[in-house]
Amino acid sequence: MFTKLPTPIITSNNSNPLEHEDTVVLTCEPETQNTTYMWWINNQSLPDSTRLELSEDNKTLTLLHVTRNDTGPYVCETQNPVSAGRSDPFTINVLCEVRAILWVTSTEFTGPQEWLRSLRKECGPRPQTSHLLCFFADPVAQPSIQASNTTVTEHGDTVFLTCLTNDTGISISWLFNGQSLLLTERMKLSQGNSTLTIHPVRREDAGNYQCQVSNLGYSSKSDVLSLDVTYDSTQGSSSGLSDGAIASIVIGAVAALVYFLYIRNTGRSGTF
């Protein structure tokens, strides 16, 4: 004789599986005789997948090496000739690969305030009245630099350097000769730091430039772009004379003028 079935529930062997590593086993409870078990995901029957395995009686569903797409919700259904029932939806909490774990006190959410630890390392004691923030990040591709010109003339030209990247959610910084770029009054960064403008260029701006893109877990630098600044070694002296020679000529001219005025005023001639 068949009896009315109780409402089924879903149990799991792992409530927080790690993506691509852990296997999850879902079981439709309770076990009753002469019962047919069926499974649904996102209100649809189970898809064909080599990572999904059903037990012989369909009571157990195994997910091999779960991914973030396996979160669910899952529903199991039980049937016999006199009754049927469905469980409440069950969602798997799949943990993506954590690149950084940060404890932040309840009153401070503006950045890394206390501890920052990498994946699977001990995170230290949890402060009282704190919150756990987990950041997820994918690798970033190498950026490149586009320049308006790589050979420019001192005082006469303006240079635009643009950091090109297809990644989103990243920060951009600039390096000069392998060190963080120190901005001068002639340099300006666009919003987001993607474009560096130098106006006007000077000979000290010549060197190797790189841009770096970073997210919470990864960073990547562009190849080096070399900027060549040309300049006129005689600039500032149109005659080509040195500063010392010019000073001597000026002094001589002043002396000659004084001597001329002396002769005119005294009516005398001779050596001054």
C-alpha atoms as a PDB file:
ATOM      1  CA  MET A   1       0.000   0.000   0.000  1.00  0.00           C
ATOM      2  CA  PHE A   2       1.361   3.440  -0.906  1.00  0.00           C
ATOM      3  CA  THR A   3       1.436   6.334   1.573  1.00  0.00           C
ATOM      4  CA  LYS A   4       1.567  10.064   1.105  1.00  0.00           C
ATOM      5  CA  LEU A   5       5.152  11.225   0.736  1.00  0.00           C
ATOM      6  CA  PRO A   6       6.654  13.862   3.035  1.00  0.00           C
ATOM      7  CA  THR A   7       7.961  17.069   1.493  1.00  0.00           C
ATOM      8  CA  PRO A   8      11.532  16.325   0.356  1.00  0.00           C
ATOM      9  CA  ILE A   9      14.577  18.345   1.315  1.00  0.00           C
ATOM     10  CA  ILE A  10      18.030  18.620  -0.252  1.00  0.00           C
ATOM     11  CA  THR A  11      21.188  18.038   1.775  1.00  0.00           C
ATOM     12  CA  SER A  12      24.776  18.646   0.643  1.00  0.00           C
ATOM     13  CA  ASN A  13      28.182  17.285   1.616  1.00  0.00           C
ATOM     14  CA  ASN A  14      29.858  20.678   1.027  1.00  0.00           C
ATOM     15  CA  SER A  15      28.148  23.995   1.632  1.00  0.00           C
ATOM     16  CA  ASN A  16      31.048  26.166   0.353  1.00  0.00           C
ATOM     17  CA  PRO A  17      32.885  24.328  -2.458  1.00  0.00           C
ATOM     18  CA  LEU A  18      35.876  25.892  -4.199  1.00  0.00           C
ATOM     19  CA  GLU A  19      35.475  26.448  -7.917  1.00  0.00           C
ATOM     20  CA  HIS A  20      37.188  23.931 -10.236  1.00  0.00           C
ATOM     21  CA  GLU A  21      38.444  21.885  -7.275  1.00  0.00           C
ATOM     22  CA  ASP A  22      35.639  20.520  -5.112  1.00  0.00           C
ATOM     23  CA  THR A  23      32.939  17.973  -5.847  1.00  0.00           C
ATOM     24  CA  VAL A  24      29.438  18.433  -4.412  1.00  0.00           C
ATOM     25  CA  VAL A  25      26.979  15.656  -3.649  1.00  0.00           C
ATOM     26  CA  LEU A  26      23.300  16.621  -3.336  1.00  0.00           C
ATOM     27  CA  THR A  27      20.922  14.129  -1.752  1.00  0.00           C
ATOM     28  CA  CYS A  28      17.147  14.167  -1.856  1.00  0.00           C
ATOM     29  CA  GLU A  29      15.832  13.254   1.610  1.00  0.00           C
ATOM     30  CA  PRO A  30      14.189  11.290   3.130  1.00  0.00           C
ATOM     31  CA  GLU A  31      14.727   7.902   1.575  1.00  0.00           C
ATOM     32  CA  THR A  32      11.418   6.122   1.047  1.00  0.00           C
ATOM     33  CA  GLN A  33      10.505   2.913  -0.728  1.00  0.00           C
ATOM     34  CA  ASN A  34       8.687   2.787  -4.053  1.00  0.00           C
ATOM     35  CA  THR A  35       9.572   6.405  -4.734  1.00  0.00           C
ATOM     36  CA  THR A  36      10.690   8.039  -7.959  1.00  0.00           C
ATOM     37  CA  TYR A  37      13.241  10.861  -7.639  1.00  0.00           C
ATOM     38  CA  MET A  38      13.662  13.676 -10.165  1.00  0.00           C
ATOM     39  CA  TRP A  39      15.944  16.737 -10.268  1.00  0.00           C
ATOM     40  CA  TRP A  40      15.519  20.239 -11.634  1.00  0.00           C
ATOM     41  CA  ILE A  41      17.941  23.145 -12.003  1.00  0.00           C
ATOM     42  CA  ASN A  42      16.714  26.657 -12.719  1.00  0.00           C
ATOM     43  CA  ASN A  43      13.235  25.125 -13.194  1.00  0.00           C
ATOM     44  CA  GLN A  44      14.522  22.927 -16.009  1.00  0.00           C
ATOM     45  CA  SER A  45      15.511  19.292 -16.241  1.00  0.00           C
ATOM     46  CA  LEU A  46      19.192  18.493 -15.785  1.00  0.00           C
ATOM     47  CA  PRO A  47      21.360  19.218 -18.841  1.00  0.00           C
ATOM     48  CA  ASP A  48      23.622  16.616 -20.376  1.00  0.00           C
ATOM     49  CA  SER A  49      27.040  17.101 -18.813  1.00  0.00           C
ATOM     50  CA  THR A  50      29.999  14.888 -18.034  1.00  0.00           C
ATOM     51  CA  ARG A  51      30.255  16.666 -14.686  1.00  0.00           C
ATOM     52  CA  LEU A  52      26.752  15.677 -13.546  1.00  0.00           C
ATOM     53  CA  GLU A  53      26.182  12.152 -12.253  1.00  0.00           C
ATOM     54  CA  LEU A  54      23.001  10.571 -10.880  1.00  0.00           C
ATOM     55  CA  SER A  55      22.902   7.571  -8.615  1.00  0.00           C
ATOM     56  CA  GLU A  56      21.119   4.456  -9.849  1.00  0.00           C
ATOM     57  CA  ASP A  57      17.910   5.412  -8.032  1.00  0.00           C
ATOM     58  CA  ASN A  58      18.310   9.163  -8.884  1.00  0.00           C
ATOM     59  CA  LYS A  59      18.268   9.985  -5.192  1.00  0.00           C
ATOM     60  CA  THR A  60      21.781  11.502  -5.307  1.00  0.00           C
ATOM     61  CA  LEU A  61      23.133  14.095  -7.726  1.00  0.00           C
ATOM     62  CA  THR A  62      26.922  14.555  -7.929  1.00  0.00           C
ATOM     63  CA  LEU A  63      28.565  17.654  -9.424  1.00  0.00           C
ATOM     64  CA  LEU A  64      32.210  17.120 -10.310  1.00  0.00           C
ATOM     65  CA  HIS A  65      34.608  20.068 -10.017  1.00  0.00           C
ATOM     66  CA  VAL A  66      31.922  22.705  -9.560  1.00  0.00           C
ATOM     67  CA  THR A  67      32.041  26.032 -11.372  1.00  0.00           C
ATOM     68  CA  ARG A  68      30.300  29.310 -10.616  1.00  0.00           C
ATOM     69  CA  ASN A  69      27.660  28.338 -13.191  1.00  0.00           C
ATOM     70  CA  ASP A  70      26.606  25.409 -10.990  1.00  0.00           C
ATOM     71  CA  THR A  71      25.146  27.534  -8.216  1.00  0.00           C
ATOM     72  CA  GLY A  72      21.555  26.500  -8.974  1.00  0.00           C
ATOM     73  CA  PRO A  73      18.897  26.690  -7.622  1.00  0.00           C
ATOM     74  CA  TYR A  74      18.272  22.931  -7.427  1.00  0.00           C
ATOM     75  CA  VAL A  75      14.960  21.238  -6.675  1.00  0.00           C
ATOM     76  CA  CYS A  76      14.306  17.555  -6.130  1.00  0.00           C
ATOM     77  CA  GLU A  77      10.907  15.972  -6.665  1.00  0.00           C
ATOM     78  CA  THR A  78       9.536  12.727  -5.219  1.00  0.00           C
ATOM     79  CA  GLN A  79       6.634  10.794  -6.653  1.00  0.00           C
ATOM     80  CA  ASN A  80       4.650   7.651  -5.969  1.00  0.00           C
ATOM     81  CA  PRO A  81       1.231   6.564  -7.267  1.00  0.00           C
ATOM     82  CA  VAL A  82      -0.662   8.540  -4.620  1.00  0.00           C
ATOM     83  CA  SER A  83       1.385  11.719  -4.033  1.00  0.00           C
ATOM     84  CA  ALA A  84       4.172  13.959  -5.224  1.00  0.00           C
ATOM     85  CA  GLY A  85       6.215  16.719  -3.674  1.00  0.00           C
ATOM     86  CA  ARG A  86       8.987  19.179  -4.426  1.00  0.00           C
ATOM     87  CA  SER A  87      11.732  20.480  -2.169  1.00  0.00           C
ATOM     88  CA  ASP A  88      12.501  24.115  -1.523  1.00  0.00           C
ATOM     89  CA  PRO A  89      15.134  25.512  -3.925  1.00  0.00           C
ATOM     90  CA  PHE A  90      18.705  24.778  -2.878  1.00  0.00           C
ATOM     91  CA  THR A  91      21.552  27.062  -3.974  1.00  0.00           C
ATOM     92  CA  ILE A  92      25.225  26.073  -3.907  1.00  0.00           C
ATOM     93  CA  ASN A  93      27.576  28.745  -2.590  1.00  0.00           C
ATOM     94  CA  VAL A  94      30.480  28.277  -5.023  1.00  0.00           C
ATOM     95  CA  LEU A  95      33.573  30.134  -3.880  1.00  0.00           C
ATOM     96  CA  CYS A  96      35.600  31.680  -6.658  1.00  0.00           C
ATOM     97  CA  GLU A  97      39.355  31.826  -6.306  1.00  0.00           C
ATOM     98  CA  VAL A  98      40.032  34.489  -3.696  1.00  0.00           C
ATOM     99  CA  ARG A  99      42.895  36.813  -4.549  1.00  0.00           C
ATOM    100  CA  ALA A 100      42.784  38.847  -1.371  1.00  0.00           C
ATOM    101  CA  ILE A 101      40.983  38.721   1.935  1.00  0.00           C
ATOM    102  CA  LEU A 102      40.550  41.884   3.930  1.00  0.00           C
ATOM    103  CA  TRP A 103      39.282  42.506   7.420  1.00  0.00           C
ATOM    104  CA  VAL A 104      37.802  45.968   7.750  1.00  0.00           C
ATOM    105  CA  THR A 105      36.434  47.481  10.919  1.00  0.00           C
ATOM    106  CA  SER A 106      32.772  48.362  10.891  1.00  0.00           C
ATOM    107  CA  THR A 107      33.469  52.106  10.720  1.00  0.00           C
ATOM    108  CA  GLU A 108      36.166  52.009   8.029  1.00  0.00           C
ATOM    109  CA  PHE A 109      35.376  50.902   4.475  1.00  0.00           C
ATOM    110  CA  THR A 110      37.702  53.207   2.496  1.00  0.00           C
ATOM    111  CA  GLY A 111      40.511  50.764   1.830  1.00  0.00           C
ATOM    112  CA  PRO A 112      42.904  48.242   3.345  1.00  0.00           C
ATOM    113  CA  GLN A 113      42.859  49.200   7.018  1.00  0.00           C
ATOM    114  CA  GLU A 114      44.214  46.236   8.937  1.00  0.00           C
ATOM    115  CA  TRP A 115      45.310  42.953   7.290  1.00  0.00           C
ATOM    116  CA  LEU A 116      45.747  41.926   3.678  1.00  0.00           C
ATOM    117  CA  ARG A 117      46.595  38.316   2.954  1.00  0.00           C
ATOM    118  CA  SER A 118      46.902  36.293  -0.233  1.00  0.00           C
ATOM    119  CA  LEU A 119      44.932  33.217  -1.216  1.00  0.00           C
ATOM    120  CA  ARG A 120      44.813  30.400   1.355  1.00  0.00           C
ATOM    121  CA  LYS A 121      47.148  32.052   3.794  1.00  0.00           C
ATOM    122  CA  GLU A 122      46.242  32.572   7.402  1.00  0.00           C
ATOM    123  CA  CYS A 123      44.311  35.803   7.720  1.00  0.00           C
ATOM    124  CA  GLY A 124      44.979  36.399  11.399  1.00  0.00           C
ATOM    125  CA  PRO A 125      42.385  36.916  14.115  1.00  0.00           C
ATOM    126  CA  ARG A 126      39.167  38.593  13.152  1.00  0.00           C
ATOM    127  CA  PRO A 127      38.752  41.961  14.843  1.00  0.00           C
ATOM    128  CA  GLN A 128      35.590  42.549  16.801  1.00  0.00           C
ATOM    129  CA  THR A 129      32.780  44.352  14.956  1.00  0.00           C
ATOM    130  CA  SER A 130      34.425  43.733  11.599  1.00  0.00           C
ATOM    131  CA  HIS A 131      33.339  42.566   8.171  1.00  0.00           C
ATOM    132  CA  LEU A 132      34.988  40.102   5.801  1.00  0.00           C
ATOM    133  CA  LEU A 133      35.430  41.432   2.288  1.00  0.00           C
ATOM    134  CA  CYS A 134      36.527  38.973  -0.401  1.00  0.00           C
ATOM    135  CA  PHE A 135      37.874  40.359  -3.651  1.00  0.00           C
ATOM    136  CA  PHE A 136      37.890  38.367  -6.866  1.00  0.00           C
ATOM    137  CA  ALA A 137      40.127  39.174  -9.802  1.00  0.00           C
ATOM    138  CA  ASP A 138      41.073  37.746 -13.168  1.00  0.00           C
ATOM    139  CA  PRO A 139      44.535  38.071 -14.731  1.00  0.00           C
ATOM    140  CA  VAL A 140      45.128  41.251 -16.719  1.00  0.00           C
ATOM    141  CA  ALA A 141      46.585  41.356 -20.223  1.00  0.00           C
ATOM    142  CA  GLN A 142      49.771  43.264 -21.014  1.00  0.00           C
ATOM    143  CA  PRO A 143      48.959  46.877 -21.981  1.00  0.00           C
ATOM    144  CA  SER A 144      50.688  48.864 -24.707  1.00  0.00           C
ATOM    145  CA  ILE A 145      51.616  52.532 -25.172  1.00  0.00           C
ATOM    146  CA  GLN A 146      50.610  54.679 -28.124  1.00  0.00           C
ATOM    147  CA  ALA A 147      52.612  57.892 -28.585  1.00  0.00           C
ATOM    148  CA  SER A 148      51.803  60.968 -30.634  1.00  0.00           C
ATOM    149  CA  ASN A 149      55.528  61.142 -31.454  1.00  0.00           C
ATOM    150  CA  THR A 150      58.664  59.488 -30.083  1.00  0.00           C
ATOM    151  CA  THR A 151      61.168  62.054 -31.373  1.00  0.00           C
ATOM    152  CA  VAL A 152      60.339  65.613 -30.363  1.00  0.00           C
ATOM    153  CA  THR A 153      61.998  69.010 -30.083  1.00  0.00           C
ATOM    154  CA  GLU A 154      62.602  70.682 -26.745  1.00  0.00           C
ATOM    155  CA  HIS A 155      60.284  73.618 -25.928  1.00  0.00           C
ATOM    156  CA  GLY A 156      58.526  73.267 -29.273  1.00  0.00           C
ATOM    157  CA  ASP A 157      56.506  70.032 -29.065  1.00  0.00           C
ATOM    158  CA  THR A 158      53.825  68.408 -26.921  1.00  0.00           C
ATOM    159  CA  VAL A 159      53.749  64.644 -26.313  1.00  0.00           C
ATOM    160  CA  PHE A 160      50.672  62.476 -25.707  1.00  0.00           C
ATOM    161  CA  LEU A 161      51.274  58.964 -24.328  1.00  0.00           C
ATOM    162  CA  THR A 162      48.194  56.696 -24.104  1.00  0.00           C
ATOM    163  CA  CYS A 163      48.016  53.396 -22.215  1.00  0.00           C
ATOM    164  CA  LEU A 164      45.952  50.910 -24.243  1.00  0.00           C
ATOM    165  CA  THR A 165      44.171  48.048 -22.449  1.00  0.00           C
ATOM    166  CA  ASN A 166      40.982  46.040 -22.923  1.00  0.00           C
ATOM    167  CA  ASP A 167      40.677  45.142 -19.240  1.00  0.00           C
ATOM    168  CA  THR A 168      38.056  46.745 -17.043  1.00  0.00           C
ATOM    169  CA  GLY A 169      38.069  47.448 -13.334  1.00  0.00           C
ATOM    170  CA  ILE A 170      41.779  48.232 -13.368  1.00  0.00           C
ATOM    171  CA  SER A 171      43.974  51.104 -12.222  1.00  0.00           C
ATOM    172  CA  ILE A 172      46.678  52.636 -14.417  1.00  0.00           C
ATOM    173  CA  SER A 173      50.026  54.028 -13.287  1.00  0.00           C
ATOM    174  CA  TRP A 174      53.092  55.303 -15.170  1.00  0.00           C
ATOM    175  CA  LEU A 175      56.807  54.570 -14.824  1.00  0.00           C
ATOM    176  CA  PHE A 176      59.808  56.541 -16.039  1.00  0.00           C
ATOM    177  CA  ASN A 177      63.157  54.782 -16.358  1.00  0.00           C
ATOM    178  CA  GLY A 178      61.853  51.923 -14.226  1.00  0.00           C
ATOM    179  CA  GLN A 179      60.604  54.124 -11.373  1.00  0.00           C
ATOM    180  CA  SER A 180      57.196  55.596 -10.541  1.00  0.00           C
ATOM    181  CA  LEU A 181      56.735  58.728 -12.609  1.00  0.00           C
ATOM    182  CA  LEU A 182      56.935  61.954 -10.620  1.00  0.00           C
ATOM    183  CA  LEU A 183      54.621  64.478 -12.249  1.00  0.00           C
ATOM    184  CA  THR A 184      55.935  67.963 -12.944  1.00  0.00           C
ATOM    185  CA  GLU A 185      53.942  71.131 -13.598  1.00  0.00           C
ATOM    186  CA  ARG A 186      54.279  70.379 -17.335  1.00  0.00           C
ATOM    187  CA  MET A 187      52.628  66.951 -17.033  1.00  0.00           C
ATOM    188  CA  LYS A 188      48.943  66.137 -16.865  1.00  0.00           C
ATOM    189  CA  LEU A 189      47.071  62.825 -16.514  1.00  0.00           C
ATOM    190  CA  SER A 190      43.618  62.274 -17.953  1.00  0.00           C
ATOM    191  CA  GLN A 191      40.765  60.925 -15.863  1.00  0.00           C
ATOM    192  CA  GLY A 192      41.620  57.321 -15.140  1.00  0.00           C
ATOM    193  CA  ASN A 193      45.316  58.014 -15.879  1.00  0.00           C
ATOM    194  CA  SER A 194      45.075  56.463 -19.351  1.00  0.00           C
ATOM    195  CA  THR A 195      46.732  59.428 -21.126  1.00  0.00           C
ATOM    196  CA  LEU A 196      49.884  61.285 -20.052  1.00  0.00           C
ATOM    197  CA  THR A 197      50.420  64.731 -21.605  1.00  0.00           C
ATOM    198  CA  ILE A 198      53.781  66.540 -21.474  1.00  0.00           C
ATOM    199  CA  HIS A 199      53.671  70.193 -22.554  1.00  0.00           C
ATOM    200  CA  PRO A 200      56.118  71.437 -23.513  1.00  0.00           C
ATOM    201  CA  VAL A 201      58.758  68.720 -23.522  1.00  0.00           C
ATOM    202  CA  ARG A 202      62.221  69.344 -22.160  1.00  0.00           C
ATOM    203  CA  ARG A 203      65.447  67.427 -22.498  1.00  0.00           C
ATOM    204  CA  GLU A 204      64.991  65.920 -19.017  1.00  0.00           C
ATOM    205  CA  ASP A 205      61.814  64.211 -20.267  1.00  0.00           C
ATOM    206  CA  ALA A 206      63.844  61.974 -22.570  1.00  0.00           C
ATOM    207  CA  GLY A 207      63.916  58.362 -21.384  1.00  0.00           C
ATOM    208  CA  ASN A 208      61.964  55.138 -21.096  1.00  0.00           C
ATOM    209  CA  TYR A 209      58.224  55.160 -20.316  1.00  0.00           C
ATOM    210  CA  GLN A 210      55.950  52.292 -19.275  1.00  0.00           C
ATOM    211  CA  CYS A 211      52.361  52.048 -18.133  1.00  0.00           C
ATOM    212  CA  GLN A 212      51.149  49.472 -15.629  1.00  0.00           C
ATOM    213  CA  VAL A 213      47.605  48.130 -15.228  1.00  0.00           C
ATOM    214  CA  SER A 214      46.547  46.500 -11.975  1.00  0.00           C
ATOM    215  CA  ASN A 215      43.540  44.978 -10.269  1.00  0.00           C
ATOM    216  CA  LEU A 216      43.191  43.493  -6.802  1.00  0.00           C
ATOM    217  CA  GLY A 217      45.115  40.363  -7.720  1.00  0.00           C
ATOM    218  CA  TYR A 218      47.275  41.003 -10.769  1.00  0.00           C
ATOM    219  CA  SER A 219      49.342  43.649 -12.551  1.00  0.00           C
ATOM    220  CA  SER A 220      51.093  43.897 -15.910  1.00  0.00           C
ATOM    221  CA  LYS A 221      53.537  46.383 -17.447  1.00  0.00           C
ATOM    222  CA  SER A 222      53.760  47.507 -21.053  1.00  0.00           C
ATOM    223  CA  ASP A 223      56.915  47.222 -23.086  1.00  0.00           C
ATOM    224  CA  VAL A 224      59.287  50.183 -22.821  1.00  0.00           C
ATOM    225  CA  LEU A 225      58.655  53.189 -25.052  1.00  0.00           C
ATOM    226  CA  SER A 226      61.686  55.448 -25.527  1.00  0.00           C
ATOM    227  CA  LEU A 227      61.171  59.177 -25.922  1.00  0.00           C
ATOM    228  CA  ASP A 228      63.950  61.106 -27.683  1.00  0.00           C
ATOM    229  CA  VAL A 229      64.074  64.881 -27.108  1.00  0.00           C
ATOM    230  CA  THR A 230      66.262  66.877 -29.484  1.00  0.00           C
ATOM    231  CA  TYR A 231      67.538  70.355 -28.647  1.00  0.00           C
ATOM    232  CA  ASP A 232      69.820  73.122 -30.036  1.00  0.00           C
ATOM    233  CA  SER A 233      73.073  73.320 -28.066  1.00  0.00           C
ATOM    234  CA  THR A 234      73.412  76.995 -29.065  1.00  0.00           C
ATOM    235  CA  GLN A 235      69.849  77.880 -28.077  1.00  0.00           C
ATOM    236  CA  GLY A 236      69.713  81.251 -26.291  1.00  0.00           C
ATOM    237  CA  SER A 237      72.613  82.725 -28.307  1.00  0.00           C
ATOM    238  CA  SER A 238      71.576  83.530 -31.863  1.00  0.00           C
ATOM    239  CA  SER A 239      75.175  84.564 -32.789  1.00  0.00           C
ATOM    240  CA  GLY A 240      76.574  81.239 -31.672  1.00  0.00           C
ATOM    241  CA  LEU A 241      78.832  82.958 -29.115  1.00  0.00           C
ATOM    242  CA  SER A 242      79.238  81.625 -25.606  1.00  0.00           C
ATOM    243  CA  ASP A 243      77.794  83.458 -22.622  1.00  0.00           C
ATOM    244  CA  GLY A 244      81.329  84.507 -21.565  1.00  0.00           C
ATOM    245  CA  ALA A 245      82.116  85.978 -24.983  1.00  0.00           C
ATOM    246  CA  ILE A 246      78.871  87.921 -25.011  1.00  0.00           C
ATOM    247  CA  ALA A 247      79.626  89.324 -21.540  1.00  0.00           C
ATOM    248  CA  SER A 248      83.075  90.472 -22.683  1.00  0.00           C
ATOM    249  CA  ILE A 249      81.615  92.269 -25.712  1.00  0.00           C
ATOM    250  CA  VAL A 250      79.048  94.047 -23.530  1.00  0.00           C
ATOM    251  CA  ILE A 251      81.721  95.198 -21.067  1.00  0.00           C
ATOM    252  CA  GLY A 252      83.916  96.446 -23.919  1.00  0.00           C
ATOM    253  CA  ALA A 253      81.031  98.366 -25.477  1.00  0.00           C
ATOM    254  CA  VAL A 254      80.204 100.050 -22.162  1.00  0.00           C
ATOM    255  CA  ALA A 255      83.863 101.054 -21.675  1.00  0.00           C
ATOM    256  CA  ALA A 256      84.035 102.514 -25.189  1.00  0.00           C
ATOM    257  CA  LEU A 257      80.876 104.537 -24.566  1.00  0.00           C
ATOM    258  CA  VAL A 258      82.249 105.961 -21.306  1.00  0.00           C
ATOM    259  CA  TYR A 259      85.520 106.894 -23.044  1.00  0.00           C
ATOM    260  CA  PHE A 260      83.644 108.641 -25.876  1.00  0.00           C
ATOM    261  CA  LEU A 261      81.577 110.686 -23.442  1.00  0.00           C
ATOM    262  CA  TYR A 262      84.703 111.664 -21.495  1.00  0.00           C
ATOM    263  CA  ILE A 263      86.497 112.923 -24.614  1.00  0.00           C
ATOM    264  CA  ARG A 264      83.487 114.899 -25.785  1.00  0.00           C
ATOM    265  CA  ASN A 265      82.955 116.578 -22.429  1.00  0.00           C
ATOM    266  CA  THR A 266      86.579 117.523 -21.789  1.00  0.00           C
ATOM    267  CA  GLY A 267      87.723 118.149 -25.367  1.00  0.00           C
ATOM    268  CA  ARG A 268      90.807 116.153 -24.554  1.00  0.00           C
ATOM    269  CA  SER A 269      92.363 113.215 -26.315  1.00  0.00           C
ATOM    270  CA  GLY A 270      94.703 110.608 -25.091  1.00  0.00           C
ATOM    271  CA  THR A 271      94.637 107.333 -23.304  1.00  0.00           C
ATOM    272  CA  PHE A 272      91.726 106.793 -20.924  1.00  0.00           C
END
